[in-house]
Amino acid sequence: MPDTNLKAPDVSFVRASRLLQSPRYFGELVPDLMVEIKSQGDRIKLITTKILKFIELGAIIGILIDPDEETVTIYRSIGEPTVLENGEILTIPELFPGWELPITELWPPIFTEEETQI
């Protein structure tokens, strides 16, 4: 990345128009979309700082998925972060027009007793 940061996001996406050939290893560029998924030992402040750095360097969208709180926070270069909860739909029209994902689909499923019987 332009600031020599070597920390890659958990998930990233780069539009094909910016990446003519997929690199074998990590691409040396700022992705259009970056996603961080909070694990049990992570601190929200550190993750947020990382996401905001990617936005500052040119990422269009940064997303923080917090399974503990069951929230998804969307960061953009303009405006305040948007927090989505269960019952809401994640959309990213800037990169994926028409694509939708219900927030509840991000969390591990809870199986009924009937579903666990083999």
PDB file of N, CA and C in Angstrom:
ATOM      1  N   MET A   1       0.836  -1.173   0.000  1.00  0.00           N
ATOM      2  CA  MET A   1       0.000   0.000   0.000  1.00  0.00           C
ATOM      3  C   MET A   1       0.885   1.241   0.000  1.00  0.00           C
ATOM      4  N   PRO A   2       0.335   2.370  -0.335  1.00  0.00           N
ATOM      5  CA  PRO A   2       1.140   3.589  -0.440  1.00  0.00           C
ATOM      6  C   PRO A   2       1.894   3.957   0.834  1.00  0.00           C
ATOM      7  N   ASP A   3       1.376   3.561   2.000  1.00  0.00           N
ATOM      8  CA  ASP A   3       2.066   3.904   3.252  1.00  0.00           C
ATOM      9  C   ASP A   3       2.961   2.763   3.740  1.00  0.00           C
ATOM     10  N   THR A   4       3.236   1.791   2.897  1.00  0.00           N
ATOM     11  CA  THR A   4       4.062   0.604   3.178  1.00  0.00           C
ATOM     12  C   THR A   4       3.446  -0.331   4.209  1.00  0.00           C
ATOM     13  N   ASN A   5       2.162  -0.188   4.507  1.00  0.00           N
ATOM     14  CA  ASN A   5       1.467  -1.077   5.425  1.00  0.00           C
ATOM     15  C   ASN A   5       1.342  -2.452   4.773  1.00  0.00           C
ATOM     16  N   LEU A   6       1.689  -3.485   5.507  1.00  0.00           N
ATOM     17  CA  LEU A   6       1.613  -4.841   4.973  1.00  0.00           C
ATOM     18  C   LEU A   6       0.467  -5.641   5.573  1.00  0.00           C
ATOM     19  N   LYS A   7      -0.419  -4.996   6.326  1.00  0.00           N
ATOM     20  CA  LYS A   7      -1.524  -5.704   6.960  1.00  0.00           C
ATOM     21  C   LYS A   7      -2.705  -5.795   6.008  1.00  0.00           C
ATOM     22  N   ALA A   8      -2.983  -6.998   5.572  1.00  0.00           N
ATOM     23  CA  ALA A   8      -4.098  -7.214   4.655  1.00  0.00           C
ATOM     24  C   ALA A   8      -5.401  -7.357   5.434  1.00  0.00           C
ATOM     25  N   PRO A   9      -6.514  -6.965   4.835  1.00  0.00           N
ATOM     26  CA  PRO A   9      -7.808  -7.151   5.478  1.00  0.00           C
ATOM     27  C   PRO A   9      -8.213  -8.627   5.449  1.00  0.00           C
ATOM     28  N   ASP A  10      -9.228  -8.977   6.239  1.00  0.00           N
ATOM     29  CA  ASP A  10      -9.724 -10.353   6.239  1.00  0.00           C
ATOM     30  C   ASP A  10     -10.286 -10.725   4.869  1.00  0.00           C
ATOM     31  N   VAL A  11     -10.989  -9.792   4.256  1.00  0.00           N
ATOM     32  CA  VAL A  11     -11.579  -9.982   2.926  1.00  0.00           C
ATOM     33  C   VAL A  11     -11.366  -8.687   2.145  1.00  0.00           C
ATOM     34  N   SER A  12     -11.034  -8.806   0.867  1.00  0.00           N
ATOM     35  CA  SER A  12     -10.913  -7.602   0.050  1.00  0.00           C
ATOM     36  C   SER A  12     -11.434  -7.882  -1.352  1.00  0.00           C
ATOM     37  N   PHE A  13     -11.761  -6.800  -2.041  1.00  0.00           N
ATOM     38  CA  PHE A  13     -12.264  -6.889  -3.406  1.00  0.00           C
ATOM     39  C   PHE A  13     -11.683  -5.728  -4.197  1.00  0.00           C
ATOM     40  N   VAL A  14     -11.212  -6.038  -5.405  1.00  0.00           N
ATOM     41  CA  VAL A  14     -10.698  -5.014  -6.319  1.00  0.00           C
ATOM     42  C   VAL A  14     -11.427  -5.194  -7.645  1.00  0.00           C
ATOM     43  N   ARG A  15     -11.982  -4.101  -8.165  1.00  0.00           N
ATOM     44  CA  ARG A  15     -12.672  -4.159  -9.451  1.00  0.00           C
ATOM     45  C   ARG A  15     -11.712  -4.622 -10.552  1.00  0.00           C
ATOM     46  N   ALA A  16     -12.224  -5.405 -11.469  1.00  0.00           N
ATOM     47  CA  ALA A  16     -11.407  -5.931 -12.567  1.00  0.00           C
ATOM     48  C   ALA A  16     -10.777  -4.810 -13.378  1.00  0.00           C
ATOM     49  N   SER A  17     -11.445  -3.672 -13.482  1.00  0.00           N
ATOM     50  CA  SER A  17     -10.899  -2.556 -14.261  1.00  0.00           C
ATOM     51  C   SER A  17      -9.619  -1.999 -13.650  1.00  0.00           C
ATOM     52  N   ARG A  18      -9.393  -2.279 -12.379  1.00  0.00           N
ATOM     53  CA  ARG A  18      -8.172  -1.822 -11.705  1.00  0.00           C
ATOM     54  C   ARG A  18      -7.114  -2.920 -11.623  1.00  0.00           C
ATOM     55  N   LEU A  19      -7.495  -4.141 -11.900  1.00  0.00           N
ATOM     56  CA  LEU A  19      -6.581  -5.268 -11.721  1.00  0.00           C
ATOM     57  C   LEU A  19      -6.649  -6.133 -12.970  1.00  0.00           C
ATOM     58  N   LEU A  20      -5.767  -5.897 -13.895  1.00  0.00           N
ATOM     59  CA  LEU A  20      -5.831  -6.588 -15.174  1.00  0.00           C
ATOM     60  C   LEU A  20      -5.487  -8.068 -15.071  1.00  0.00           C
ATOM     61  N   GLN A  21      -4.707  -8.447 -14.081  1.00  0.00           N
ATOM     62  CA  GLN A  21      -4.374  -9.850 -13.863  1.00  0.00           C
ATOM     63  C   GLN A  21      -4.355 -10.093 -12.368  1.00  0.00           C
ATOM     64  N   SER A  22      -4.958 -11.168 -11.951  1.00  0.00           N
ATOM     65  CA  SER A  22      -4.985 -11.501 -10.524  1.00  0.00           C
ATOM     66  C   SER A  22      -3.593 -11.945 -10.082  1.00  0.00           C
ATOM     67  N   PRO A  23      -3.057 -11.317  -9.027  1.00  0.00           N
ATOM     68  CA  PRO A  23      -1.727 -11.718  -8.562  1.00  0.00           C
ATOM     69  C   PRO A  23      -1.781 -13.069  -7.856  1.00  0.00           C
ATOM     70  N   ARG A  24      -0.665 -13.758  -7.873  1.00  0.00           N
ATOM     71  CA  ARG A  24      -0.598 -15.061  -7.208  1.00  0.00           C
ATOM     72  C   ARG A  24      -0.647 -14.900  -5.695  1.00  0.00           C
ATOM     73  N   TYR A  25      -0.067 -13.836  -5.201  1.00  0.00           N
ATOM     74  CA  TYR A  25      -0.059 -13.569  -3.765  1.00  0.00           C
ATOM     75  C   TYR A  25      -0.879 -12.314  -3.509  1.00  0.00           C
ATOM     76  N   PHE A  26      -0.537 -11.554  -2.503  1.00  0.00           N
ATOM     77  CA  PHE A  26      -1.285 -10.339  -2.204  1.00  0.00           C
ATOM     78  C   PHE A  26      -1.011  -9.270  -3.254  1.00  0.00           C
ATOM     79  N   GLY A  27      -2.072  -8.624  -3.694  1.00  0.00           N
ATOM     80  CA  GLY A  27      -1.913  -7.492  -4.607  1.00  0.00           C
ATOM     81  C   GLY A  27      -1.348  -6.314  -3.838  1.00  0.00           C
ATOM     82  N   GLU A  28      -0.512  -5.557  -4.477  1.00  0.00           N
ATOM     83  CA  GLU A  28       0.112  -4.405  -3.824  1.00  0.00           C
ATOM     84  C   GLU A  28      -0.651  -3.138  -4.193  1.00  0.00           C
ATOM     85  N   LEU A  29      -1.894  -3.053  -3.705  1.00  0.00           N
ATOM     86  CA  LEU A  29      -2.736  -1.906  -3.961  1.00  0.00           C
ATOM     87  C   LEU A  29      -3.825  -1.838  -2.893  1.00  0.00           C
ATOM     88  N   VAL A  30      -4.468  -0.700  -2.826  1.00  0.00           N
ATOM     89  CA  VAL A  30      -5.567  -0.517  -1.888  1.00  0.00           C
ATOM     90  C   VAL A  30      -6.817  -1.109  -2.530  1.00  0.00           C
ATOM     91  N   PRO A  31      -7.513  -2.012  -1.849  1.00  0.00           N
ATOM     92  CA  PRO A  31      -8.719  -2.598  -2.442  1.00  0.00           C
ATOM     93  C   PRO A  31      -9.871  -1.595  -2.485  1.00  0.00           C
ATOM     94  N   ASP A  32     -10.836  -1.869  -3.336  1.00  0.00           N
ATOM     95  CA  ASP A  32     -12.039  -1.047  -3.394  1.00  0.00           C
ATOM     96  C   ASP A  32     -12.923  -1.307  -2.170  1.00  0.00           C
ATOM     97  N   LEU A  33     -12.959  -2.557  -1.746  1.00  0.00           N
ATOM     98  CA  LEU A  33     -13.745  -2.981  -0.588  1.00  0.00           C
ATOM     99  C   LEU A  33     -12.842  -3.769   0.332  1.00  0.00           C
ATOM    100  N   MET A  34     -12.919  -3.462   1.626  1.00  0.00           N
ATOM    101  CA  MET A  34     -12.185  -4.263   2.597  1.00  0.00           C
ATOM    102  C   MET A  34     -13.123  -4.596   3.746  1.00  0.00           C
ATOM    103  N   VAL A  35     -12.987  -5.816   4.269  1.00  0.00           N
ATOM    104  CA  VAL A  35     -13.855  -6.305   5.339  1.00  0.00           C
ATOM    105  C   VAL A  35     -12.995  -6.852   6.461  1.00  0.00           C
ATOM    106  N   GLU A  36     -13.329  -6.463   7.674  1.00  0.00           N
ATOM    107  CA  GLU A  36     -12.701  -7.008   8.869  1.00  0.00           C
ATOM    108  C   GLU A  36     -13.778  -7.727   9.684  1.00  0.00           C
ATOM    109  N   ILE A  37     -13.459  -8.924  10.137  1.00  0.00           N
ATOM    110  CA  ILE A  37     -14.372  -9.709  10.964  1.00  0.00           C
ATOM    111  C   ILE A  37     -13.778  -9.790  12.357  1.00  0.00           C
ATOM    112  N   LYS A  38     -14.493  -9.254  13.336  1.00  0.00           N
ATOM    113  CA  LYS A  38     -14.004  -9.217  14.709  1.00  0.00           C
ATOM    114  C   LYS A  38     -13.968 -10.628  15.286  1.00  0.00           C
ATOM    115  N   SER A  39     -12.805 -11.011  15.792  1.00  0.00           N
ATOM    116  CA  SER A  39     -12.700 -12.279  16.512  1.00  0.00           C
ATOM    117  C   SER A  39     -12.757 -11.978  18.003  1.00  0.00           C
ATOM    118  N   GLN A  40     -12.813 -13.011  18.823  1.00  0.00           N
ATOM    119  CA  GLN A  40     -12.991 -12.828  20.266  1.00  0.00           C
ATOM    120  C   GLN A  40     -11.915 -11.960  20.894  1.00  0.00           C
ATOM    121  N   GLY A  41     -10.690 -12.066  20.444  1.00  0.00           N
ATOM    122  CA  GLY A  41      -9.595 -11.321  21.046  1.00  0.00           C
ATOM    123  C   GLY A  41      -9.366  -9.933  20.474  1.00  0.00           C
ATOM    124  N   ASP A  42     -10.088  -9.587  19.420  1.00  0.00           N
ATOM    125  CA  ASP A  42      -9.895  -8.284  18.772  1.00  0.00           C
ATOM    126  C   ASP A  42     -10.504  -7.144  19.577  1.00  0.00           C
ATOM    127  N   ARG A  43      -9.926  -5.980  19.416  1.00  0.00           N
ATOM    128  CA  ARG A  43     -10.468  -4.759  20.008  1.00  0.00           C
ATOM    129  C   ARG A  43     -11.057  -3.908  18.891  1.00  0.00           C
ATOM    130  N   ILE A  44     -12.289  -3.467  19.102  1.00  0.00           N
ATOM    131  CA  ILE A  44     -13.011  -2.687  18.088  1.00  0.00           C
ATOM    132  C   ILE A  44     -12.231  -1.451  17.676  1.00  0.00           C
ATOM    133  N   LYS A  45     -11.624  -0.754  18.626  1.00  0.00           N
ATOM    134  CA  LYS A  45     -10.899   0.478  18.310  1.00  0.00           C
ATOM    135  C   LYS A  45      -9.766   0.219  17.308  1.00  0.00           C
ATOM    136  N   LEU A  46      -9.016  -0.866  17.498  1.00  0.00           N
ATOM    137  CA  LEU A  46      -7.922  -1.182  16.578  1.00  0.00           C
ATOM    138  C   LEU A  46      -8.441  -1.553  15.195  1.00  0.00           C
ATOM    139  N   ILE A  47      -9.538  -2.293  15.151  1.00  0.00           N
ATOM    140  CA  ILE A  47     -10.121  -2.665  13.854  1.00  0.00           C
ATOM    141  C   ILE A  47     -10.631  -1.420  13.139  1.00  0.00           C
ATOM    142  N   THR A  48     -11.310  -0.557  13.875  1.00  0.00           N
ATOM    143  CA  THR A  48     -11.835   0.675  13.291  1.00  0.00           C
ATOM    144  C   THR A  48     -10.711   1.539  12.737  1.00  0.00           C
ATOM    145  N   THR A  49      -9.618   1.639  13.481  1.00  0.00           N
ATOM    146  CA  THR A  49      -8.466   2.411  13.014  1.00  0.00           C
ATOM    147  C   THR A  49      -7.927   1.841  11.709  1.00  0.00           C
ATOM    148  N   LYS A  50      -7.850   0.528  11.615  1.00  0.00           N
ATOM    149  CA  LYS A  50      -7.365  -0.126  10.391  1.00  0.00           C
ATOM    150  C   LYS A  50      -8.300   0.170   9.215  1.00  0.00           C
ATOM    151  N   ILE A  51      -9.600   0.052   9.450  1.00  0.00           N
ATOM    152  CA  ILE A  51     -10.574   0.314   8.385  1.00  0.00           C
ATOM    153  C   ILE A  51     -10.475   1.762   7.917  1.00  0.00           C
ATOM    154  N   LEU A  52     -10.417   2.687   8.861  1.00  0.00           N
ATOM    155  CA  LEU A  52     -10.334   4.110   8.498  1.00  0.00           C
ATOM    156  C   LEU A  52      -9.052   4.424   7.734  1.00  0.00           C
ATOM    157  N   LYS A  53      -7.966   3.723   8.032  1.00  0.00           N
ATOM    158  CA  LYS A  53      -6.713   3.912   7.295  1.00  0.00           C
ATOM    159  C   LYS A  53      -6.878   3.475   5.839  1.00  0.00           C
ATOM    160  N   PHE A  54      -7.547   2.334   5.627  1.00  0.00           N
ATOM    161  CA  PHE A  54      -7.807   1.876   4.266  1.00  0.00           C
ATOM    162  C   PHE A  54      -8.664   2.889   3.513  1.00  0.00           C
ATOM    163  N   ILE A  55      -9.692   3.437   4.176  1.00  0.00           N
ATOM    164  CA  ILE A  55     -10.545   4.453   3.551  1.00  0.00           C
ATOM    165  C   ILE A  55      -9.712   5.682   3.199  1.00  0.00           C
ATOM    166  N   GLU A  56      -8.859   6.098   4.125  1.00  0.00           N
ATOM    167  CA  GLU A  56      -7.990   7.259   3.886  1.00  0.00           C
ATOM    168  C   GLU A  56      -7.083   7.032   2.684  1.00  0.00           C
ATOM    169  N   LEU A  57      -6.630   5.802   2.494  1.00  0.00           N
ATOM    170  CA  LEU A  57      -5.725   5.476   1.396  1.00  0.00           C
ATOM    171  C   LEU A  57      -6.442   5.232   0.068  1.00  0.00           C
ATOM    172  N   GLY A  58      -7.790   5.241   0.091  1.00  0.00           N
ATOM    173  CA  GLY A  58      -8.514   5.130  -1.165  1.00  0.00           C
ATOM    174  C   GLY A  58      -9.546   4.032  -1.290  1.00  0.00           C
ATOM    175  N   ALA A  59      -9.720   3.190  -0.268  1.00  0.00           N
ATOM    176  CA  ALA A  59     -10.783   2.189  -0.343  1.00  0.00           C
ATOM    177  C   ALA A  59     -12.132   2.903  -0.410  1.00  0.00           C
ATOM    178  N   ILE A  60     -13.049   2.359  -1.176  1.00  0.00           N
ATOM    179  CA  ILE A  60     -14.372   2.962  -1.321  1.00  0.00           C
ATOM    180  C   ILE A  60     -15.250   2.602  -0.121  1.00  0.00           C
ATOM    181  N   ILE A  61     -15.181   1.349   0.293  1.00  0.00           N
ATOM    182  CA  ILE A  61     -16.018   0.840   1.385  1.00  0.00           C
ATOM    183  C   ILE A  61     -15.157   0.025   2.346  1.00  0.00           C
ATOM    184  N   GLY A  62     -15.387   0.224   3.636  1.00  0.00           N
ATOM    185  CA  GLY A  62     -14.798  -0.609   4.680  1.00  0.00           C
ATOM    186  C   GLY A  62     -15.929  -1.161   5.530  1.00  0.00           C
ATOM    187  N   ILE A  63     -15.891  -2.446   5.818  1.00  0.00           N
ATOM    188  CA  ILE A  63     -16.965  -3.080   6.589  1.00  0.00           C
ATOM    189  C   ILE A  63     -16.371  -3.787   7.802  1.00  0.00           C
ATOM    190  N   LEU A  64     -17.012  -3.569   8.937  1.00  0.00           N
ATOM    191  CA  LEU A  64     -16.663  -4.265  10.179  1.00  0.00           C
ATOM    192  C   LEU A  64     -17.818  -5.182  10.537  1.00  0.00           C
ATOM    193  N   ILE A  65     -17.547  -6.482  10.571  1.00  0.00           N
ATOM    194  CA  ILE A  65     -18.538  -7.470  10.982  1.00  0.00           C
ATOM    195  C   ILE A  65     -18.222  -7.862  12.414  1.00  0.00           C
ATOM    196  N   ASP A  66     -19.186  -7.642  13.311  1.00  0.00           N
ATOM    197  CA  ASP A  66     -19.008  -7.947  14.735  1.00  0.00           C
ATOM    198  C   ASP A  66     -19.990  -9.048  15.135  1.00  0.00           C
ATOM    199  N   PRO A  67     -19.542 -10.309  15.122  1.00  0.00           N
ATOM    200  CA  PRO A  67     -20.429 -11.420  15.482  1.00  0.00           C
ATOM    201  C   PRO A  67     -20.886 -11.373  16.944  1.00  0.00           C
ATOM    202  N   ASP A  68     -20.082 -10.776  17.822  1.00  0.00           N
ATOM    203  CA  ASP A  68     -20.468 -10.702  19.236  1.00  0.00           C
ATOM    204  C   ASP A  68     -21.715  -9.845  19.422  1.00  0.00           C
ATOM    205  N   GLU A  69     -21.774  -8.719  18.725  1.00  0.00           N
ATOM    206  CA  GLU A  69     -22.911  -7.793  18.834  1.00  0.00           C
ATOM    207  C   GLU A  69     -23.946  -8.026  17.732  1.00  0.00           C
ATOM    208  N   GLU A  70     -23.602  -8.898  16.786  1.00  0.00           N
ATOM    209  CA  GLU A  70     -24.433  -9.155  15.606  1.00  0.00           C
ATOM    210  C   GLU A  70     -24.767  -7.851  14.882  1.00  0.00           C
ATOM    211  N   THR A  71     -23.697  -7.085  14.591  1.00  0.00           N
ATOM    212  CA  THR A  71     -23.829  -5.842  13.850  1.00  0.00           C
ATOM    213  C   THR A  71     -22.834  -5.808  12.699  1.00  0.00           C
ATOM    214  N   VAL A  72     -23.165  -5.010  11.709  1.00  0.00           N
ATOM    215  CA  VAL A  72     -22.281  -4.751  10.576  1.00  0.00           C
ATOM    216  C   VAL A  72     -22.190  -3.236  10.454  1.00  0.00           C
ATOM    217  N   THR A  73     -20.965  -2.713  10.505  1.00  0.00           N
ATOM    218  CA  THR A  73     -20.765  -1.276  10.375  1.00  0.00           C
ATOM    219  C   THR A  73     -20.093  -1.005   9.037  1.00  0.00           C
ATOM    220  N   ILE A  74     -20.695  -0.088   8.270  1.00  0.00           N
ATOM    221  CA  ILE A  74     -20.199   0.246   6.936  1.00  0.00           C
ATOM    222  C   ILE A  74     -19.568   1.631   6.996  1.00  0.00           C
ATOM    223  N   TYR A  75     -18.313   1.714   6.569  1.00  0.00           N
ATOM    224  CA  TYR A  75     -17.570   2.973   6.533  1.00  0.00           C
ATOM    225  C   TYR A  75     -17.376   3.382   5.087  1.00  0.00           C
ATOM    226  N   ARG A  76     -17.597   4.668   4.828  1.00  0.00           N
ATOM    227  CA  ARG A  76     -17.356   5.258   3.514  1.00  0.00           C
ATOM    228  C   ARG A  76     -16.503   6.503   3.714  1.00  0.00           C
ATOM    229  N   SER A  77     -15.912   6.996   2.634  1.00  0.00           N
ATOM    230  CA  SER A  77     -15.063   8.184   2.756  1.00  0.00           C
ATOM    231  C   SER A  77     -15.866   9.425   3.123  1.00  0.00           C
ATOM    232  N   ILE A  78     -17.142   9.427   2.798  1.00  0.00           N
ATOM    233  CA  ILE A  78     -18.002  10.570   3.104  1.00  0.00           C
ATOM    234  C   ILE A  78     -19.119  10.116   4.037  1.00  0.00           C
ATOM    235  N   GLY A  79     -19.379  10.906   5.068  1.00  0.00           N
ATOM    236  CA  GLY A  79     -20.497  10.619   5.959  1.00  0.00           C
ATOM    237  C   GLY A  79     -20.103   9.768   7.149  1.00  0.00           C
ATOM    238  N   GLU A  80     -21.070   9.590   8.014  1.00  0.00           N
ATOM    239  CA  GLU A  80     -20.873   8.801   9.221  1.00  0.00           C
ATOM    240  C   GLU A  80     -21.028   7.313   8.911  1.00  0.00           C
ATOM    241  N   PRO A  81     -20.421   6.458   9.740  1.00  0.00           N
ATOM    242  CA  PRO A  81     -20.614   5.016   9.551  1.00  0.00           C
ATOM    243  C   PRO A  81     -22.090   4.641   9.709  1.00  0.00           C
ATOM    244  N   THR A  82     -22.492   3.611   8.996  1.00  0.00           N
ATOM    245  CA  THR A  82     -23.845   3.080   9.076  1.00  0.00           C
ATOM    246  C   THR A  82     -23.787   1.747   9.798  1.00  0.00           C
ATOM    247  N   VAL A  83     -24.597   1.581  10.848  1.00  0.00           N
ATOM    248  CA  VAL A  83     -24.634   0.326  11.603  1.00  0.00           C
ATOM    249  C   VAL A  83     -25.901  -0.424  11.235  1.00  0.00           C
ATOM    250  N   LEU A  84     -25.729  -1.669  10.787  1.00  0.00           N
ATOM    251  CA  LEU A  84     -26.861  -2.529  10.445  1.00  0.00           C
ATOM    252  C   LEU A  84     -26.976  -3.636  11.479  1.00  0.00           C
ATOM    253  N   GLU A  85     -28.207  -4.015  11.774  1.00  0.00           N
ATOM    254  CA  GLU A  85     -28.474  -5.080  12.742  1.00  0.00           C
ATOM    255  C   GLU A  85     -29.340  -6.142  12.084  1.00  0.00           C
ATOM    256  N   ASN A  86     -29.623  -7.208  12.831  1.00  0.00           N
ATOM    257  CA  ASN A  86     -30.492  -8.268  12.325  1.00  0.00           C
ATOM    258  C   ASN A  86     -31.812  -7.662  11.858  1.00  0.00           C
ATOM    259  N   GLY A  87     -32.327  -8.197  10.780  1.00  0.00           N
ATOM    260  CA  GLY A  87     -33.549  -7.678  10.193  1.00  0.00           C
ATOM    261  C   GLY A  87     -33.284  -6.662   9.091  1.00  0.00           C
ATOM    262  N   GLU A  88     -32.033  -6.208   8.979  1.00  0.00           N
ATOM    263  CA  GLU A  88     -31.681  -5.236   7.941  1.00  0.00           C
ATOM    264  C   GLU A  88     -30.905  -5.935   6.826  1.00  0.00           C
ATOM    265  N   ILE A  89     -30.743  -5.229   5.721  1.00  0.00           N
ATOM    266  CA  ILE A  89     -30.118  -5.781   4.518  1.00  0.00           C
ATOM    267  C   ILE A  89     -28.841  -5.008   4.199  1.00  0.00           C
ATOM    268  N   LEU A  90     -27.745  -5.734   3.982  1.00  0.00           N
ATOM    269  CA  LEU A  90     -26.490  -5.121   3.552  1.00  0.00           C
ATOM    270  C   LEU A  90     -26.526  -4.960   2.042  1.00  0.00           C
ATOM    271  N   THR A  91     -26.282  -3.744   1.581  1.00  0.00           N
ATOM    272  CA  THR A  91     -26.132  -3.466   0.154  1.00  0.00           C
ATOM    273  C   THR A  91     -24.881  -2.620  -0.030  1.00  0.00           C
ATOM    274  N   ILE A  92     -24.263  -2.762  -1.186  1.00  0.00           N
ATOM    275  CA  ILE A  92     -23.084  -1.964  -1.530  1.00  0.00           C
ATOM    276  C   ILE A  92     -23.273  -1.502  -2.976  1.00  0.00           C
ATOM    277  N   PRO A  93     -24.193  -0.546  -3.185  1.00  0.00           N
ATOM    278  CA  PRO A  93     -24.526  -0.151  -4.561  1.00  0.00           C
ATOM    279  C   PRO A  93     -23.359   0.442  -5.335  1.00  0.00           C
ATOM    280  N   GLU A  94     -22.370   1.005  -4.640  1.00  0.00           N
ATOM    281  CA  GLU A  94     -21.211   1.593  -5.320  1.00  0.00           C
ATOM    282  C   GLU A  94     -20.410   0.544  -6.084  1.00  0.00           C
ATOM    283  N   LEU A  95     -20.404  -0.681  -5.593  1.00  0.00           N
ATOM    284  CA  LEU A  95     -19.600  -1.739  -6.202  1.00  0.00           C
ATOM    285  C   LEU A  95     -20.431  -2.900  -6.756  1.00  0.00           C
ATOM    286  N   PHE A  96     -21.568  -3.177  -6.122  1.00  0.00           N
ATOM    287  CA  PHE A  96     -22.393  -4.327  -6.501  1.00  0.00           C
ATOM    288  C   PHE A  96     -23.863  -3.919  -6.626  1.00  0.00           C
ATOM    289  N   PRO A  97     -24.223  -3.168  -7.665  1.00  0.00           N
ATOM    290  CA  PRO A  97     -25.613  -2.741  -7.822  1.00  0.00           C
ATOM    291  C   PRO A  97     -26.563  -3.943  -7.844  1.00  0.00           C
ATOM    292  N   GLY A  98     -27.625  -3.862  -7.043  1.00  0.00           N
ATOM    293  CA  GLY A  98     -28.625  -4.926  -7.013  1.00  0.00           C
ATOM    294  C   GLY A  98     -28.334  -6.065  -6.049  1.00  0.00           C
ATOM    295  N   TRP A  99     -27.102  -6.161  -5.543  1.00  0.00           N
ATOM    296  CA  TRP A  99     -26.740  -7.237  -4.612  1.00  0.00           C
ATOM    297  C   TRP A  99     -27.265  -6.903  -3.227  1.00  0.00           C
ATOM    298  N   GLU A 100     -27.799  -7.923  -2.534  1.00  0.00           N
ATOM    299  CA  GLU A 100     -28.319  -7.755  -1.179  1.00  0.00           C
ATOM    300  C   GLU A 100     -27.965  -8.966  -0.332  1.00  0.00           C
ATOM    301  N   LEU A 101     -27.733  -8.726   0.961  1.00  0.00           N
ATOM    302  CA  LEU A 101     -27.469  -9.815   1.893  1.00  0.00           C
ATOM    303  C   LEU A 101     -28.135  -9.497   3.225  1.00  0.00           C
ATOM    304  N   PRO A 102     -29.109 -10.322   3.644  1.00  0.00           N
ATOM    305  CA  PRO A 102     -29.690 -10.117   4.974  1.00  0.00           C
ATOM    306  C   PRO A 102     -28.606 -10.303   6.048  1.00  0.00           C
ATOM    307  N   ILE A 103     -28.544  -9.399   6.991  1.00  0.00           N
ATOM    308  CA  ILE A 103     -27.531  -9.455   8.046  1.00  0.00           C
ATOM    309  C   ILE A 103     -27.579 -10.793   8.788  1.00  0.00           C
ATOM    310  N   THR A 104     -28.759 -11.331   9.001  1.00  0.00           N
ATOM    311  CA  THR A 104     -28.888 -12.595   9.740  1.00  0.00           C
ATOM    312  C   THR A 104     -28.147 -13.746   9.065  1.00  0.00           C
ATOM    313  N   GLU A 105     -27.892 -13.642   7.768  1.00  0.00           N
ATOM    314  CA  GLU A 105     -27.179 -14.716   7.068  1.00  0.00           C
ATOM    315  C   GLU A 105     -25.680 -14.733   7.357  1.00  0.00           C
ATOM    316  N   LEU A 106     -25.185 -13.724   8.053  1.00  0.00           N
ATOM    317  CA  LEU A 106     -23.757 -13.672   8.390  1.00  0.00           C
ATOM    318  C   LEU A 106     -23.419 -14.503   9.630  1.00  0.00           C
ATOM    319  N   TRP A 107     -24.409 -14.794  10.441  1.00  0.00           N
ATOM    320  CA  TRP A 107     -24.144 -15.463  11.719  1.00  0.00           C
ATOM    321  C   TRP A 107     -24.286 -16.974  11.574  1.00  0.00           C
ATOM    322  N   PRO A 108     -23.607 -17.727  12.440  1.00  0.00           N
ATOM    323  CA  PRO A 108     -23.721 -19.189  12.372  1.00  0.00           C
ATOM    324  C   PRO A 108     -25.185 -19.621  12.532  1.00  0.00           C
ATOM    325  N   PRO A 109     -25.585 -20.622  11.772  1.00  0.00           N
ATOM    326  CA  PRO A 109     -26.975 -21.065  11.877  1.00  0.00           C
ATOM    327  C   PRO A 109     -27.228 -21.763  13.217  1.00  0.00           C
ATOM    328  N   ILE A 110     -28.471 -21.698  13.644  1.00  0.00           N
ATOM    329  CA  ILE A 110     -28.905 -22.460  14.817  1.00  0.00           C
ATOM    330  C   ILE A 110     -29.810 -23.550  14.301  1.00  0.00           C
ATOM    331  N   PHE A 111     -29.395 -24.787  14.503  1.00  0.00           N
ATOM    332  CA  PHE A 111     -30.140 -25.922  13.978  1.00  0.00           C
ATOM    333  C   PHE A 111     -31.172 -26.396  14.982  1.00  0.00           C
ATOM    334  N   THR A 112     -32.299 -26.818  14.451  1.00  0.00           N
ATOM    335  CA  THR A 112     -33.323 -27.412  15.310  1.00  0.00           C
ATOM    336  C   THR A 112     -32.892 -28.836  15.651  1.00  0.00           C
ATOM    337  N   GLU A 113     -33.518 -29.399  16.677  1.00  0.00           N
ATOM    338  CA  GLU A 113     -33.181 -30.767  17.059  1.00  0.00           C
ATOM    339  C   GLU A 113     -33.454 -31.726  15.910  1.00  0.00           C
ATOM    340  N   GLU A 114     -34.508 -31.461  15.178  1.00  0.00           N
ATOM    341  CA  GLU A 114     -34.864 -32.294  14.033  1.00  0.00           C
ATOM    342  C   GLU A 114     -33.757 -32.257  12.966  1.00  0.00           C
ATOM    343  N   GLU A 115     -33.176 -31.104  12.736  1.00  0.00           N
ATOM    344  CA  GLU A 115     -32.128 -30.967  11.725  1.00  0.00           C
ATOM    345  C   GLU A 115     -30.823 -31.663  12.133  1.00  0.00           C
ATOM    346  N   THR A 116     -30.623 -31.865  13.405  1.00  0.00           N
ATOM    347  CA  THR A 116     -29.375 -32.479  13.862  1.00  0.00           C
ATOM    348  C   THR A 116     -29.464 -34.000  13.916  1.00  0.00           C
ATOM    349  N   GLN A 117     -30.648 -34.561  13.697  1.00  0.00           N
ATOM    350  CA  GLN A 117     -30.820 -36.013  13.718  1.00  0.00           C
ATOM    351  C   GLN A 117     -30.459 -36.605  12.372  1.00  0.00           C
ATOM    352  N   ILE A 118     -29.571 -37.553  12.387  1.00  0.00           N
ATOM    353  CA  ILE A 118     -29.155 -38.187  11.125  1.00  0.00           C
ATOM    354  C   ILE A 118     -29.678 -39.596  11.072  1.00  0.00           C
TER     355      ILE A 118
END
